[in-house]
Protein backbone atom coordinates (compact mmCIF):
# COMPACT_ATOMS: atom_id res chain seq x y z
CA MET A 1 -3.17 18.36 14.99
CA THR A 2 -6.53 18.31 17.33
CA ARG A 3 -10.00 17.72 17.29
CA GLU A 4 -9.92 21.37 18.44
CA HIS A 5 -8.20 22.42 15.05
CA LEU A 6 -10.13 20.27 13.19
CA SER A 7 -13.52 21.37 14.96
CA ARG A 8 -12.19 25.10 13.82
CA TRP A 9 -12.26 23.85 10.69
CA ALA A 10 -16.21 22.72 10.61
CA SER A 11 -17.17 25.47 11.59
CA ASN A 12 -16.24 27.73 8.32
CA GLY A 13 -19.46 26.21 7.17
CA PRO A 14 -20.57 26.25 3.35
CA ARG A 15 -17.35 25.55 1.67
CA PHE A 16 -17.00 22.79 3.72
CA ALA A 17 -20.39 20.96 2.32
CA LEU A 18 -18.84 21.62 -1.04
CA ALA A 19 -15.55 20.86 0.22
CA ARG A 20 -16.92 17.16 0.92
CA LEU A 21 -18.35 16.47 -2.32
CA VAL A 22 -14.93 17.36 -3.67
CA ILE A 23 -13.86 15.14 -1.58
CA LEU A 24 -15.53 11.91 -2.08
CA ALA A 25 -16.51 12.36 -5.37
CA LEU A 26 -13.59 9.80 -5.82
CA PRO A 27 -12.79 8.27 -9.55
CA LEU A 28 -12.25 4.42 -10.35
CA ALA A 29 -8.82 4.43 -9.56
CA ARG A 30 -10.05 4.43 -5.75
CA PRO A 31 -7.91 7.59 -3.86
CA SER A 32 -7.47 8.12 -0.30
CA VAL A 33 -10.09 10.33 0.72
CA LEU A 34 -7.19 12.40 3.00
CA ALA A 35 -5.12 12.45 0.25
CA LEU A 36 -7.48 14.75 -1.82
CA ALA A 37 -9.19 16.68 1.09
CA LEU A 38 -5.32 17.66 1.33
CA ALA A 39 -4.72 18.39 -2.20
CA TRP A 40 -7.36 21.01 -1.74
CA PRO A 41 -5.54 23.55 0.17
CA SER A 42 -7.27 26.47 -0.95
CA VAL A 43 -10.87 24.56 -0.59
CA LEU A 44 -9.96 23.24 3.29
CA ALA A 45 -7.94 26.65 3.96
CA LEU A 46 -5.61 23.67 5.73
CA PRO A 47 -2.30 25.58 6.47
CA LEU A 48 -0.27 22.05 5.52
CA SER A 49 3.28 24.20 5.50
CA ALA A 50 4.88 26.75 4.91
CA SER A 51 6.99 25.70 2.09
CA PRO A 52 5.97 23.28 -0.54
CA LEU A 53 8.66 21.82 -0.75
CA SER A 54 9.56 21.55 3.36
CA ALA A 55 9.16 17.02 4.23
CA SER A 56 7.43 18.54 7.23
CA PRO A 57 4.82 16.23 8.76
CA LEU A 58 1.02 16.73 8.09
CA ASP A 59 0.56 18.90 10.86
CA ALA A 60 3.43 21.10 10.67
CA GLY A 61 1.59 24.51 10.60
CA PHE A 62 -0.15 23.27 13.72
CA GLY A 63 3.09 22.00 16.10
CA GLN A 64 0.44 19.64 17.11
CA GLU A 65 1.43 15.12 17.48
CA THR A 66 2.54 13.88 13.72
CA ILE A 67 -0.11 12.35 11.78
CA SER A 68 1.23 8.77 11.16
CA VAL A 69 -0.55 5.31 10.24
CA ARG A 70 0.63 2.78 12.20
CA VAL A 71 1.77 -0.76 11.01
CA GLN A 72 0.72 -4.21 12.75
CA THR A 73 2.97 -7.07 11.78
CA SER A 74 2.52 -10.92 13.11
CA ASP A 75 5.44 -9.95 15.47
CA GLY A 76 3.78 -6.43 16.54
CA PRO A 77 3.94 -2.87 15.94
CA LEU A 78 6.31 -1.78 13.86
CA SER A 79 8.35 1.00 15.21
CA PRO A 80 8.43 4.05 14.04
CA ALA A 81 4.76 4.29 12.42
CA LEU A 82 4.64 5.22 8.42
CA SER A 83 4.84 9.30 9.15
CA ILE A 84 2.81 10.96 6.66
CA VAL A 85 4.25 14.05 5.04
CA SER A 86 3.18 17.03 2.68
CA GLN A 87 5.76 17.81 0.12
CA ARG A 88 2.73 18.71 -2.69
CA GLY A 89 -0.15 19.14 -0.38
CA PHE A 90 -0.86 15.63 -0.48
CA ALA A 91 -0.41 13.25 1.84
CA ALA A 92 2.77 10.72 1.35
CA VAL A 93 4.90 8.02 2.56
CA ALA A 94 8.47 7.61 1.64
CA ALA A 95 8.90 4.60 -0.73
CA GLY A 96 11.76 3.53 1.16
CA GLU A 97 9.22 2.15 3.95
CA LEU A 98 8.17 -0.73 1.27
CA ALA A 99 11.20 -2.48 2.39
CA ARG A 100 10.31 -2.41 6.23
CA LEU A 101 6.99 -3.96 5.29
CA GLY A 102 8.38 -6.90 3.71
CA TRP A 103 9.39 -5.49 -0.09
CA THR A 104 12.52 -5.49 -1.78
CA VAL A 105 12.81 -1.95 -3.55
CA GLU A 106 15.29 -1.37 -6.37
CA GLU A 107 15.49 2.58 -6.67
CA SER A 108 17.35 4.24 -9.56
CA GLU A 109 16.75 7.78 -10.76
CA VAL A 110 14.20 6.83 -13.47
CA ARG A 111 11.84 4.19 -11.63
CA VAL A 112 11.45 1.93 -8.39
CA VAL A 113 10.80 -1.46 -8.78
CA ALA A 114 9.04 -3.21 -5.66
CA ARG A 115 8.49 -7.21 -5.58
CA TRP A 116 6.56 -8.28 -2.14
CA LYS A 117 9.42 -11.27 -0.09
CA GLY A 118 11.30 -10.82 -3.24
CA GLY A 119 8.67 -12.45 -5.59
CA PRO A 120 6.06 -11.64 -7.62
CA PRO A 121 3.73 -9.21 -7.99
CA ALA A 122 6.93 -6.45 -9.45
CA VAL A 123 5.51 -3.09 -8.83
CA GLU A 124 6.65 -0.55 -11.10
CA ILE A 125 6.84 3.22 -10.21
CA ARG A 126 8.19 5.87 -12.20
CA PRO A 127 8.07 9.63 -10.47
CA ASP A 128 5.78 12.15 -11.63
CA SER A 129 3.38 9.64 -13.00
CA PRO A 130 0.01 8.56 -11.71
CA PHE A 131 -0.17 5.64 -13.40
CA LEU A 132 2.39 2.80 -12.03
CA SER A 133 2.32 -0.93 -13.00
CA TRP A 134 1.14 -4.31 -10.84
CA GLY A 135 2.27 -7.36 -12.37
CA GLY A 136 2.03 -6.01 -15.87
CA GLU A 137 -1.49 -4.50 -15.08
CA GLY A 138 -1.99 -0.53 -14.84
CA VAL A 139 -3.17 0.74 -11.71
CA GLN A 140 -4.23 4.75 -11.28
CA LEU A 141 -2.94 6.85 -8.51
CA ALA A 142 -5.12 9.88 -6.81
CA GLU A 143 -0.93 11.86 -7.33
CA ALA A 144 1.88 11.15 -9.14
CA PRO A 145 4.93 9.97 -7.07
CA TYR A 146 7.56 12.67 -6.83
CA ILE A 147 11.03 12.92 -5.60
CA VAL A 148 12.50 15.44 -3.12
CA SER A 149 16.01 15.01 -2.10
CA GLY A 150 16.82 11.76 -3.73
CA ARG A 151 14.31 10.35 -2.38
CA LEU A 152 11.01 8.41 -4.13
CA TYR A 153 7.35 9.67 -2.18
CA LEU A 154 3.92 7.04 -2.57
CA PRO A 155 0.79 8.95 -1.95
CA LEU A 156 -1.11 7.60 1.13
CA GLN A 157 -3.51 6.00 -0.82
CA PHE A 158 -0.83 2.94 -2.12
CA PHE A 159 -0.14 2.32 1.47
CA ILE A 160 -3.91 1.90 2.83
CA ASP A 161 -5.98 1.49 -0.08
CA ILE A 162 -3.72 0.07 -3.24
CA LEU A 163 -2.03 -2.92 -1.29
CA PRO A 164 -5.27 -4.36 0.82
CA TRP A 165 -6.94 -4.13 -2.82
CA LYS A 166 -4.20 -6.00 -4.73
CA LEU A 167 -2.71 -8.47 -1.60
CA PRO A 168 -5.97 -8.95 0.89
CA GLU A 169 -4.11 -11.73 2.02
CA VAL A 170 -1.67 -9.96 3.67
CA PHE A 171 -2.28 -5.90 3.64
CA GLN A 172 -5.43 -5.26 5.36
CA TYR A 173 -6.33 -1.19 6.62
CA ASP A 174 -8.40 -0.96 9.74
CA PRO A 175 -9.62 3.27 9.10
CA ASP A 176 -11.10 2.81 12.80
CA ALA A 177 -7.74 2.16 13.90
CA ARG A 178 -5.78 3.95 11.49
CA THR A 179 -3.83 1.26 11.45
CA LEU A 180 -1.97 -0.78 8.07
CA VAL A 181 -2.43 -5.01 9.69
CA VAL A 182 0.39 -7.27 7.58
CA ARG A 183 -0.08 -10.42 8.04
CA ASP A 184 1.51 -13.90 7.27
CA PRO A 185 0.05 -15.66 4.30
CA ARG A 186 1.64 -18.57 5.83
CA GLY A 187 0.35 -18.11 9.41
CA PRO A 188 -2.95 -18.85 11.00
CA GLN A 189 -6.08 -16.66 10.06
CA ARG A 190 -7.45 -14.46 12.31
CA HIS A 191 -11.76 -14.60 11.99
CA SER A 192 -13.81 -11.99 12.86
CA SER A 193 -15.35 -13.44 16.15
CA ASP A 194 -18.59 -11.19 15.58
CA PRO A 195 -21.17 -12.61 14.62
CA VAL A 196 -23.90 -9.41 13.99
CA ARG A 197 -24.59 -7.69 10.65
CA VAL A 198 -26.30 -4.63 10.27
CA VAL A 199 -28.43 -3.98 6.89
CA VAL A 200 -29.72 -0.17 7.19
CA ILE A 201 -32.11 -0.02 4.02
CA ASP A 202 -33.07 3.65 2.93
CA PRO A 203 -36.14 4.32 1.39
CA GLY A 204 -35.44 7.24 -0.95
CA HIS A 205 -37.21 10.89 -0.49
CA GLY A 206 -40.64 10.66 1.65
CA GLY A 207 -43.10 13.69 2.88
CA ARG A 208 -42.98 16.55 0.94
CA ASP A 209 -40.08 15.48 -1.64
CA PRO A 210 -42.05 13.40 -4.40
CA GLY A 211 -38.70 12.39 -5.74
CA ALA A 212 -39.44 11.67 -9.47
CA ARG A 213 -43.28 11.20 -10.90
CA GLY A 214 -44.41 8.33 -13.17
CA THR A 215 -46.54 9.47 -16.32
CA ARG A 216 -49.69 8.13 -15.02
CA GLY A 217 -48.72 9.68 -11.31
CA THR A 218 -46.91 7.77 -9.57
CA GLN A 219 -44.29 8.97 -7.10
CA GLU A 220 -40.84 7.62 -5.95
CA LYS A 221 -40.86 8.15 -2.59
CA GLU A 222 -44.16 5.37 -2.72
CA ILE A 223 -42.28 2.74 -4.71
CA ALA A 224 -39.05 3.13 -2.75
CA LEU A 225 -40.95 2.61 0.80
CA ALA A 226 -43.01 -0.58 -0.23
CA ILE A 227 -39.73 -1.95 -1.69
CA GLY A 228 -37.84 -0.72 1.83
CA ARG A 229 -40.71 -2.65 3.31
CA ALA A 230 -40.64 -5.49 1.67
CA LEU A 231 -36.96 -5.63 1.65
CA ALA A 232 -36.80 -5.28 5.71
CA ARG A 233 -39.08 -8.14 5.83
CA ASN A 234 -37.00 -10.29 4.29
CA LEU A 235 -34.07 -9.99 5.83
CA SER A 236 -35.80 -9.55 9.40
CA ASP A 237 -35.98 -13.45 9.47
CA GLU A 238 -32.15 -13.54 9.49
CA PRO A 239 -31.82 -14.16 13.27
CA ARG A 240 -27.94 -12.60 13.18
CA LEU A 241 -29.27 -9.21 10.83
CA GLN A 242 -30.20 -6.25 12.16
CA VAL A 243 -32.38 -4.54 9.88
CA PHE A 244 -33.50 -0.45 9.99
CA LEU A 245 -35.07 1.42 7.92
CA THR A 246 -34.89 5.47 8.00
CA ARG A 247 -38.10 5.48 7.24
CA ASP A 248 -41.04 3.23 7.94
CA ALA A 249 -43.79 6.14 6.44
CA ASP A 250 -44.33 9.00 4.46
CA THR A 251 -41.73 11.18 6.20
CA LEU A 252 -39.06 13.33 4.86
CA ILE A 253 -35.90 12.49 6.68
CA PRO A 254 -32.94 15.21 5.57
CA ILE A 255 -30.56 13.87 2.61
CA TRP A 256 -27.30 14.01 5.17
CA LYS A 257 -29.02 12.59 8.31
CA ARG A 258 -29.72 9.44 6.50
CA GLY A 259 -25.99 8.46 6.77
CA GLU A 260 -25.46 9.84 9.95
CA LEU A 261 -28.78 7.27 11.38
CA ALA A 262 -26.77 4.50 9.28
CA THR A 263 -23.33 4.61 11.01
CA GLU A 264 -25.02 5.21 14.82
CA TRP A 265 -27.45 2.09 13.76
CA LYS A 266 -23.94 -0.21 12.41
CA GLY A 267 -22.37 1.10 15.18
CA GLU A 268 -19.37 -1.33 15.42
CA HIS A 269 -20.61 -4.42 13.77
CA PRO A 270 -19.77 -4.46 10.06
CA GLY A 271 -22.97 -3.38 8.37
CA VAL A 272 -23.90 -1.94 4.74
CA PHE A 273 -26.55 0.66 3.41
CA VAL A 274 -28.65 0.09 1.01
CA SER A 275 -30.64 3.71 -0.45
CA ILE A 276 -33.80 2.57 -3.12
CA HIS A 277 -34.85 4.69 -5.59
CA ALA A 278 -36.22 5.02 -8.85
CA ASN A 279 -35.21 6.34 -11.63
CA ALA A 280 -36.69 9.13 -14.74
CA MET A 281 -35.85 10.26 -18.21
CA PRO A 282 -38.91 13.03 -19.43
CA ARG A 283 -37.00 13.91 -22.12
CA SER A 284 -36.74 10.00 -23.08
CA ARG A 285 -39.58 7.82 -22.29
CA ALA A 286 -38.43 4.78 -24.32
CA THR A 287 -35.39 4.53 -21.37
CA ARG A 288 -35.66 1.62 -18.92
CA GLY A 289 -33.95 -0.76 -17.00
CA PHE A 290 -32.17 -0.81 -13.35
CA GLU A 291 -28.53 -0.35 -12.63
CA THR A 292 -26.79 0.57 -8.56
CA TYR A 293 -24.37 3.19 -7.92
CA PHE A 294 -21.60 3.39 -5.64
CA LEU A 295 -20.17 6.70 -4.53
CA SER A 296 -17.73 7.75 -6.91
CA GLU A 297 -17.10 10.76 -9.33
CA ALA A 298 -19.51 10.20 -11.91
CA ARG A 299 -17.90 9.69 -15.19
CA THR A 300 -20.56 9.86 -17.75
CA GLU A 301 -23.35 12.62 -18.67
CA HIS A 302 -26.24 10.03 -17.70
CA GLU A 303 -24.26 9.75 -13.85
CA ARG A 304 -24.34 13.04 -13.27
CA ARG A 305 -27.44 13.07 -13.93
CA VAL A 306 -28.69 11.12 -11.76
CA ALA A 307 -26.57 12.23 -9.07
CA ALA A 308 -27.91 15.87 -9.52
CA LEU A 309 -31.92 13.78 -9.51
CA GLU A 310 -31.58 12.49 -6.58
CA ASN A 311 -29.20 15.55 -4.60
CA ALA A 312 -32.25 17.35 -5.28
CA ALA A 313 -33.79 15.98 -2.14
CA GLN A 314 -31.91 18.73 -0.28
CA ASP A 315 -34.39 21.34 -1.47
CA PHE A 316 -37.35 19.97 0.02
CA GLU A 317 -35.56 19.75 3.60
CA ASN A 318 -36.98 22.89 5.97
CA GLN A 319 -34.73 25.15 6.77
CA ASP A 320 -36.27 26.27 9.63
CA GLU A 321 -35.64 23.41 11.27
CA GLY A 322 -31.96 24.83 11.94
CA PRO A 323 -28.89 23.60 10.14
CA SER A 324 -28.59 19.74 10.62
CA ASP A 325 -24.95 18.00 10.99
CA ASN A 326 -24.46 17.62 7.26
CA PRO A 327 -21.44 17.52 5.14
CA ASP A 328 -19.51 16.82 8.46
CA LEU A 329 -16.10 17.72 7.75
CA SER A 330 -15.34 18.80 11.73
CA PHE A 331 -12.89 15.72 12.34
CA ILE A 332 -11.29 14.72 8.78
CA LEU A 333 -9.34 11.74 10.28
CA THR A 334 -12.64 10.30 10.29
CA GLU A 335 -12.49 10.50 6.25
CA LEU A 336 -9.91 8.00 6.63
CA ARG A 337 -12.87 5.33 7.58
CA THR A 338 -14.57 5.91 4.19
CA LEU A 339 -12.12 5.17 2.24
CA ASP A 340 -11.86 1.26 2.81
CA HIS A 341 -15.43 0.90 1.57
CA GLN A 342 -14.91 2.13 -1.89
CA HIS A 343 -14.28 -1.76 -3.01
CA TRP A 344 -16.44 -3.64 -1.02
CA SER A 345 -19.38 -1.14 -2.30
CA ALA A 346 -18.65 -1.70 -5.72
CA LEU A 347 -18.78 -5.33 -4.76
CA LEU A 348 -22.21 -4.90 -3.28
CA ALA A 349 -23.67 -3.29 -6.64
CA GLU A 350 -22.13 -5.66 -8.09
CA LEU A 351 -24.14 -8.24 -6.58
CA VAL A 352 -27.41 -6.27 -6.02
CA GLN A 353 -27.27 -5.75 -10.35
CA GLY A 354 -26.38 -9.70 -10.45
CA GLN A 355 -29.33 -10.79 -8.76
CA LEU A 356 -31.97 -8.31 -10.18
CA ALA A 357 -30.87 -9.04 -13.49
CA GLN A 358 -32.50 -12.38 -12.35
CA VAL A 359 -35.55 -11.02 -11.60
CA HIS A 360 -35.70 -7.77 -13.67
CA PRO A 361 -37.35 -7.95 -17.46
CA GLY A 362 -36.22 -4.49 -18.10
CA PRO A 363 -32.40 -4.04 -19.48
CA ASN A 364 -29.32 -4.51 -16.76
CA ARG A 365 -27.69 -0.69 -17.61
CA GLY A 366 -24.54 -2.07 -14.78
CA VAL A 367 -22.85 -0.62 -11.89
CA LYS A 368 -22.39 3.11 -12.14
CA GLN A 369 -20.57 5.41 -9.22
CA GLY A 370 -21.74 8.88 -9.05
CA PRO A 371 -21.25 11.37 -6.31
CA PHE A 372 -24.87 10.81 -4.06
CA ALA A 373 -24.92 12.58 -0.80
CA VAL A 374 -27.09 10.54 0.67
CA ILE A 375 -24.23 8.15 0.61
CA THR A 376 -21.35 10.21 1.69
CA ASN A 377 -21.43 9.94 5.38
CA ALA A 378 -22.75 6.73 5.60
CA LEU A 379 -19.60 4.86 7.08
CA MET A 380 -19.42 1.51 5.63
CA PRO A 381 -20.16 -0.04 1.99
CA ALA A 382 -22.68 1.92 0.42
CA VAL A 383 -25.33 1.81 -2.53
CA LEU A 384 -27.79 3.77 -3.89
CA VAL A 385 -30.47 1.00 -6.43
CA GLU A 386 -32.25 2.45 -9.21
CA VAL A 387 -35.16 -0.50 -9.64
CA GLY A 388 -36.40 1.37 -12.78
CA PHE A 389 -37.73 4.30 -14.82
CA LEU A 390 -41.08 5.56 -13.90
CA THR A 391 -41.19 7.81 -16.75
CA ASN A 392 -41.48 4.36 -18.86
CA PRO A 393 -44.77 3.67 -19.18
CA GLU A 394 -44.42 0.08 -19.13
CA GLU A 395 -42.00 0.19 -16.48
CA GLU A 396 -44.13 2.14 -14.03
CA SER A 397 -46.66 -0.26 -14.15
CA LEU A 398 -44.13 -3.11 -13.37
CA LEU A 399 -42.72 -0.61 -10.34
CA ASN A 400 -46.33 -1.02 -8.98
CA GLN A 401 -47.23 -4.13 -9.26
CA GLY A 402 -46.62 -6.23 -5.72
CA ALA A 403 -44.89 -9.58 -7.06
CA PHE A 404 -42.26 -7.24 -8.69
CA GLN A 405 -41.89 -5.36 -5.71
CA GLU A 406 -41.66 -7.92 -3.57
CA ASN A 407 -39.03 -10.19 -6.12
CA THR A 408 -36.94 -7.00 -6.48
CA ALA A 409 -36.81 -6.99 -2.48
CA MET A 410 -35.81 -10.67 -2.38
CA ALA A 411 -33.02 -9.92 -5.13
CA ILE A 412 -31.56 -7.20 -2.81
CA ALA A 413 -31.49 -9.44 0.20
CA SER A 414 -29.91 -12.19 -1.56
CA ALA A 415 -27.17 -9.71 -3.06
CA VAL A 416 -26.89 -8.54 0.65
CA LEU A 417 -26.29 -12.56 2.61
CA GLU A 418 -23.80 -13.13 -0.27
CA PHE A 419 -21.78 -9.87 0.54
CA PHE A 420 -21.82 -10.81 3.93
CA ARG A 421 -20.34 -14.10 3.24
CA ARG A 422 -17.38 -12.14 2.01
CA TYR A 423 -17.60 -9.00 4.10
CA PRO A 424 -15.54 -8.57 6.52
CA MET A 425 -12.14 -9.84 5.42
CA GLY A 426 -11.63 -12.59 7.64
CA GLY A 427 -15.64 -13.05 8.95
CA ALA A 428 -17.27 -15.90 8.80
CA PHE A 429 -21.21 -15.12 8.50
CA ALA A 430 -23.54 -17.78 7.32
CA PRO A 431 -27.18 -17.36 6.43
CA GLY A 432 -29.45 -19.21 7.16
CA PRO A 433 -30.98 -22.23 5.03
CA GLY A 434 -33.62 -21.78 2.60
CA ALA A 435 -33.14 -19.22 -1.02
CA PHE A 436 -35.24 -16.12 -1.70
CA ALA A 437 -37.32 -17.65 -4.79
CA PRO A 438 -39.48 -15.36 -7.50
CA ALA A 439 -42.89 -14.72 -6.50
CA PRO A 440 -45.17 -15.97 -9.81
CA GLY A 441 -46.39 -14.08 -11.94
CA ALA A 442 -43.54 -11.08 -11.87
CA LEU A 443 -41.62 -11.40 -14.63
CA ALA A 444 -44.21 -9.85 -16.91
CA PRO A 445 -42.28 -7.92 -19.95
CA ALA A 446 -41.82 -4.27 -19.38
CA GLY A 447 -41.54 -3.85 -23.47
CA GLY A 448 -39.04 -3.33 -26.02
CA GLU A 449 -35.28 -2.57 -25.47
CA GLY A 450 -34.28 1.22 -23.88
CA SER A 451 -31.42 3.27 -23.92
């Protein structure tokens, strides 16, 4: 598969915008982006193979190089690499390849039981079921394993997502190099020598896009910019952080451009993307509180409503500015890079919620998920923070308080610094001394409990 073929797919235009949202609407089970992409041949028009039961490589329809995932072990690269096939319209790898990665594999007609180095955990996999048992814990796959010609095949997701998730001390997937790294947990651990961390702060909306409006006329774009600026000030004191704002004035930045800018600014350094927003519920002014989202499929009506509300920012983008490079499916293999970030994004969202709970008097509405356009193409851990409800009169007043805005920024800053203590795996980031302390008088009650 060559870049020329993939570029040709990208030229098909609007259907790829839809396809991107489909691909990136990931459920909590953390499915593989590539697996989902290849599960939608009718949308992406990918000529995967002439026969759905053939065992040809993914690129069989093109006659080009085979797509594979390289494996790097402590003894050197594994040869041959893990070949990806497409018998059922999604990316899959033979389960027998687990043996080459250090697993013992026991196969029968009804199930496969794999054990790492012959010991725990025991992973029980049954064909035609998307659920597997990992040491007695249920895990859902993006697609069901299946048998062809007596061989069991697993979704690619199992190798490059589930293994690093469940055994992070052994397996790590490098999405840029498309390499699965297998470490000996008893051997010396390598640490990242890159001391630089990048934080991209995205104050939502701006310019002719006001975002949500409060009962007293407060505009979401104003609150987002104030908190975004405060967050940048707090983080700029850290010498090893590079901090960027997608906007530092009342201007409109196209929603798809924000993630592209973040990816460009991050470069090869570890980084995060934090998009700041304020919520609204015009039909229920009693609703209040704070919540943090990461990119995935919306599970509830509320999550779908919030995603639709924030994605509506695209309606304000000027059509005569020409098409942006937005729903960029021009190089579908690049989507593998987003896969490694989803569980890190969920962790960052949890840390943000935990810190905000210490300074926000409203109810903690928890970590949520949704298909937000603004974070789809930020190739790094990314979250969207809803700091409160402008349609709640008491919370609207709170959001306008300078002390509250500063406290909110400090809480998010603390979460970001704590996140970098854990990310990336093997990293060694130690923030400078001095904790972020809440400003006095910022914790005024915001009224009774909302929904």
